[in-house]
């Protein structure tokens, strides 16, 4: 069995991970809520699913980004108030990684967990604003959750079809 090459891994020493993935010319970029336990040496279930799913869908690379970079296995433990340093560093990393792709495809993969903290919608809005100039294709797989969010990678059928995701309409509706 060949060891997975992780050649993208940006993190801080104080519990923040900004990006994790394998470079490619045609990458599937997933945006979740927050990082769990995966590192460049040790996978977690979400990372394994995103990696395997991206290969199954014909991508030659994959990348995990998050609305908020604080590492925790339980989103209920995220900072009660936004850490602006984390948020700004996260925005810079996201902008850098997306700008490296010719035709960036972003898989909206946060599920209902986006409702864990009010500031997560602000983070998404800021991410969207930063990425507008890169002609991003925003997608999701399968139906939306009962709360009208794109499914988290661990909670949908892996045979689900790809759909264009109306990120602008979603933000307008969720932030009204």
Foldseek 3Di string as FASTA:
>chain_A
DDDDQKPDWDADPPQFTQKIKDDDQFEEEEEAAEAEDDGRVDHDPLVVLQVVLCVVVPGPMYMYGYLFGGYHNDLLPPDQDDDVVRLVVNLVSLLVVLLVHQAAEYEYAHAPSCVSHPCSLVSLVSSCVSCVVNNYFYKAWAAHDPVRGGHHSVPDDSVTDIDGDPSVVVSVVVVD
